[in-house]
Amino acid sequence: MTLQETPQVTPQVQDLLNVINGEDSRSEMQYHFGLSDRENFRKNYLQPTLAEGLIEMTIPEKPQSSKQRYRLTSRGANARKI
C-alpha cells in the first residue's frame, strides 16, 4: 500500500498542519487549540498526522522523550492550506 500523493485529511489534521511552525512540542501545538485533554489531542490530531506521514518526530528513536518535537514533512508542507 502506498501513500496518496494528496492526502485526505480531517479538519483537525488540517488545522494541525497550519499551526506547526518549525519544530513544536506536543504541548505547544495543543496550546494553540486550547485543548487540555492530552489523550484527545494525541488520538484526534497527532496520531493521524503522524500516520499519514505529514509530520515527523525529531527524535523518532525516543517517542516518549520530554524533548520530543514535531515538524512538517515535505508531504505535510504540500498539504498545508494557509
N, C-alpha and C. Protein backbone atom coordinates (compact mmCIF):
# COMPACT_ATOMS: atom_id res chain seq x y z
N MET A 1 0.85 -1.18 0.00
CA MET A 1 0.00 0.00 0.00
C MET A 1 0.90 1.24 0.00
N THR A 2 0.58 2.19 -0.85
CA THR A 2 1.36 3.42 -0.92
C THR A 2 0.55 4.59 -0.41
N LEU A 3 1.23 5.62 0.03
CA LEU A 3 0.56 6.83 0.48
C LEU A 3 0.04 7.60 -0.72
N GLN A 4 -1.10 8.21 -0.57
CA GLN A 4 -1.65 9.02 -1.64
C GLN A 4 -0.79 10.26 -1.83
N GLU A 5 -0.71 10.74 -3.04
CA GLU A 5 0.05 11.97 -3.31
C GLU A 5 -0.56 13.16 -2.58
N THR A 6 -1.88 13.29 -2.66
CA THR A 6 -2.58 14.35 -1.93
C THR A 6 -3.41 13.68 -0.86
N PRO A 7 -2.95 13.73 0.37
CA PRO A 7 -3.65 13.01 1.43
C PRO A 7 -5.03 13.58 1.72
N GLN A 8 -5.94 12.69 2.07
CA GLN A 8 -7.26 13.10 2.52
C GLN A 8 -7.16 13.30 4.03
N VAL A 9 -7.30 14.51 4.49
CA VAL A 9 -7.10 14.79 5.91
C VAL A 9 -8.37 15.35 6.53
N THR A 10 -8.52 15.06 7.82
CA THR A 10 -9.66 15.58 8.57
C THR A 10 -9.43 17.06 8.86
N PRO A 11 -10.46 17.77 9.23
CA PRO A 11 -10.27 19.19 9.59
C PRO A 11 -9.28 19.37 10.74
N GLN A 12 -9.27 18.42 11.70
CA GLN A 12 -8.34 18.51 12.81
C GLN A 12 -6.89 18.41 12.33
N VAL A 13 -6.63 17.46 11.45
CA VAL A 13 -5.28 17.28 10.91
C VAL A 13 -4.89 18.51 10.11
N GLN A 14 -5.81 19.02 9.30
CA GLN A 14 -5.51 20.23 8.51
C GLN A 14 -5.18 21.40 9.43
N ASP A 15 -5.93 21.55 10.49
CA ASP A 15 -5.66 22.62 11.46
C ASP A 15 -4.27 22.46 12.07
N LEU A 16 -3.90 21.22 12.39
CA LEU A 16 -2.59 20.97 12.98
C LEU A 16 -1.48 21.34 11.99
N LEU A 17 -1.66 20.99 10.74
CA LEU A 17 -0.65 21.34 9.73
C LEU A 17 -0.46 22.84 9.65
N ASN A 18 -1.54 23.58 9.79
CA ASN A 18 -1.47 25.03 9.70
C ASN A 18 -0.86 25.68 10.93
N VAL A 19 -0.86 24.97 12.06
CA VAL A 19 -0.35 25.52 13.32
C VAL A 19 1.16 25.30 13.47
N ILE A 20 1.67 24.17 12.96
CA ILE A 20 3.08 23.84 13.15
C ILE A 20 3.97 24.90 12.51
N ASN A 21 4.91 25.36 13.31
CA ASN A 21 5.85 26.38 12.86
C ASN A 21 7.25 25.95 13.27
N GLY A 22 7.99 25.38 12.35
CA GLY A 22 9.32 24.87 12.67
C GLY A 22 9.19 23.55 13.40
N GLU A 23 9.74 23.49 14.59
CA GLU A 23 9.66 22.29 15.43
C GLU A 23 8.91 22.65 16.71
N ASP A 24 7.79 22.00 16.93
CA ASP A 24 6.94 22.29 18.09
C ASP A 24 6.77 21.05 18.96
N SER A 25 6.65 21.27 20.25
CA SER A 25 6.34 20.17 21.17
C SER A 25 4.85 19.89 21.12
N ARG A 26 4.47 18.74 21.67
CA ARG A 26 3.04 18.41 21.73
C ARG A 26 2.30 19.46 22.53
N SER A 27 2.85 19.88 23.64
CA SER A 27 2.15 20.86 24.48
C SER A 27 2.02 22.21 23.78
N GLU A 28 3.00 22.60 22.98
CA GLU A 28 2.89 23.86 22.23
C GLU A 28 1.77 23.78 21.20
N MET A 29 1.71 22.67 20.49
CA MET A 29 0.66 22.52 19.48
C MET A 29 -0.71 22.45 20.16
N GLN A 30 -0.79 21.71 21.25
CA GLN A 30 -2.05 21.56 21.98
C GLN A 30 -2.53 22.91 22.50
N TYR A 31 -1.62 23.74 22.95
CA TYR A 31 -1.94 25.07 23.46
C TYR A 31 -2.63 25.92 22.38
N HIS A 32 -2.17 25.81 21.13
CA HIS A 32 -2.76 26.58 20.03
C HIS A 32 -4.25 26.29 19.86
N PHE A 33 -4.65 25.08 20.21
CA PHE A 33 -6.05 24.68 20.05
C PHE A 33 -6.86 24.87 21.33
N GLY A 34 -6.20 25.23 22.41
CA GLY A 34 -6.89 25.40 23.68
C GLY A 34 -7.41 24.09 24.24
N LEU A 35 -6.72 22.99 23.93
CA LEU A 35 -7.14 21.68 24.40
C LEU A 35 -6.35 21.28 25.63
N SER A 36 -7.05 20.85 26.68
CA SER A 36 -6.36 20.43 27.88
C SER A 36 -6.25 18.91 27.97
N ASP A 37 -7.05 18.18 27.21
CA ASP A 37 -7.04 16.72 27.24
C ASP A 37 -5.96 16.17 26.30
N ARG A 38 -4.87 15.71 26.89
CA ARG A 38 -3.73 15.23 26.12
C ARG A 38 -4.09 14.01 25.26
N GLU A 39 -4.89 13.11 25.81
CA GLU A 39 -5.28 11.91 25.08
C GLU A 39 -6.13 12.25 23.85
N ASN A 40 -7.05 13.18 24.00
CA ASN A 40 -7.87 13.63 22.87
C ASN A 40 -6.99 14.23 21.78
N PHE A 41 -6.04 15.06 22.17
CA PHE A 41 -5.14 15.67 21.18
C PHE A 41 -4.32 14.60 20.47
N ARG A 42 -3.78 13.67 21.24
CA ARG A 42 -2.96 12.61 20.66
C ARG A 42 -3.75 11.76 19.67
N LYS A 43 -4.97 11.37 20.07
CA LYS A 43 -5.80 10.48 19.25
C LYS A 43 -6.35 11.17 18.00
N ASN A 44 -6.82 12.40 18.13
CA ASN A 44 -7.52 13.06 17.02
C ASN A 44 -6.66 13.98 16.16
N TYR A 45 -5.52 14.39 16.67
CA TYR A 45 -4.66 15.31 15.94
C TYR A 45 -3.30 14.68 15.61
N LEU A 46 -2.59 14.29 16.66
CA LEU A 46 -1.20 13.88 16.50
C LEU A 46 -1.04 12.55 15.77
N GLN A 47 -1.71 11.50 16.23
CA GLN A 47 -1.56 10.18 15.62
C GLN A 47 -1.97 10.14 14.15
N PRO A 48 -3.11 10.71 13.77
CA PRO A 48 -3.48 10.67 12.34
C PRO A 48 -2.47 11.42 11.46
N THR A 49 -1.94 12.50 11.97
CA THR A 49 -0.99 13.30 11.19
C THR A 49 0.33 12.55 11.04
N LEU A 50 0.78 11.89 12.09
CA LEU A 50 1.99 11.06 12.00
C LEU A 50 1.76 9.88 11.06
N ALA A 51 0.61 9.22 11.18
CA ALA A 51 0.31 8.04 10.37
C ALA A 51 0.28 8.36 8.88
N GLU A 52 -0.17 9.55 8.53
CA GLU A 52 -0.23 9.96 7.12
C GLU A 52 1.12 10.44 6.61
N GLY A 53 2.12 10.54 7.50
CA GLY A 53 3.43 11.00 7.08
C GLY A 53 3.48 12.50 6.82
N LEU A 54 2.58 13.24 7.46
CA LEU A 54 2.52 14.68 7.25
C LEU A 54 3.42 15.44 8.22
N ILE A 55 3.67 14.83 9.38
CA ILE A 55 4.64 15.36 10.32
C ILE A 55 5.55 14.22 10.74
N GLU A 56 6.67 14.57 11.35
CA GLU A 56 7.60 13.56 11.84
C GLU A 56 8.15 13.99 13.18
N MET A 57 8.62 13.00 13.94
CA MET A 57 9.25 13.27 15.23
C MET A 57 10.70 13.68 15.00
N THR A 58 11.19 14.57 15.84
CA THR A 58 12.59 14.95 15.74
C THR A 58 13.49 13.91 16.40
N ILE A 59 12.94 13.11 17.31
CA ILE A 59 13.69 12.04 17.98
C ILE A 59 12.88 10.75 17.84
N PRO A 60 12.81 10.17 16.64
CA PRO A 60 11.94 9.01 16.42
C PRO A 60 12.33 7.78 17.26
N GLU A 61 13.60 7.66 17.61
CA GLU A 61 14.02 6.51 18.40
C GLU A 61 13.60 6.62 19.87
N LYS A 62 13.12 7.80 20.29
CA LYS A 62 12.64 8.02 21.66
C LYS A 62 11.30 8.75 21.63
N PRO A 63 10.23 8.06 21.23
CA PRO A 63 8.93 8.73 21.08
C PRO A 63 8.37 9.31 22.37
N GLN A 64 8.80 8.81 23.52
CA GLN A 64 8.29 9.31 24.80
C GLN A 64 9.17 10.39 25.42
N SER A 65 10.20 10.83 24.72
CA SER A 65 11.13 11.81 25.26
C SER A 65 10.45 13.14 25.58
N SER A 66 10.83 13.72 26.70
CA SER A 66 10.30 15.04 27.07
C SER A 66 10.82 16.12 26.13
N LYS A 67 11.86 15.81 25.39
CA LYS A 67 12.44 16.77 24.43
C LYS A 67 11.91 16.56 23.00
N GLN A 68 10.93 15.65 22.86
CA GLN A 68 10.36 15.35 21.55
C GLN A 68 9.71 16.58 20.94
N ARG A 69 9.97 16.79 19.67
CA ARG A 69 9.36 17.87 18.90
C ARG A 69 8.82 17.25 17.61
N TYR A 70 7.97 17.98 16.95
CA TYR A 70 7.36 17.52 15.71
C TYR A 70 7.56 18.60 14.65
N ARG A 71 7.77 18.18 13.42
CA ARG A 71 7.94 19.12 12.32
C ARG A 71 7.23 18.58 11.08
N LEU A 72 6.89 19.48 10.18
CA LEU A 72 6.25 19.09 8.93
C LEU A 72 7.22 18.31 8.06
N THR A 73 6.70 17.33 7.35
CA THR A 73 7.47 16.67 6.31
C THR A 73 7.20 17.45 5.02
N SER A 74 7.90 17.12 3.96
CA SER A 74 7.63 17.79 2.68
C SER A 74 6.20 17.49 2.23
N ARG A 75 5.73 16.30 2.53
CA ARG A 75 4.35 15.92 2.20
C ARG A 75 3.36 16.78 2.99
N GLY A 76 3.67 17.01 4.25
CA GLY A 76 2.81 17.86 5.09
C GLY A 76 2.81 19.30 4.63
N ALA A 77 3.96 19.78 4.20
CA ALA A 77 4.05 21.15 3.69
C ALA A 77 3.21 21.31 2.43
N ASN A 78 3.19 20.28 1.59
CA ASN A 78 2.38 20.31 0.36
C ASN A 78 0.89 20.27 0.66
N ALA A 79 0.51 19.64 1.77
CA ALA A 79 -0.90 19.52 2.14
C ALA A 79 -1.40 20.71 2.93
N ARG A 80 -0.50 21.56 3.34
CA ARG A 80 -0.83 22.72 4.17
C ARG A 80 -1.67 23.74 3.39
N LYS A 81 -2.67 24.29 4.03
CA LYS A 81 -3.52 25.32 3.42
C LYS A 81 -3.58 26.51 4.35
N ILE A 82 -2.80 27.51 4.09
CA ILE A 82 -2.82 28.70 4.94
C ILE A 82 -3.43 29.85 4.18
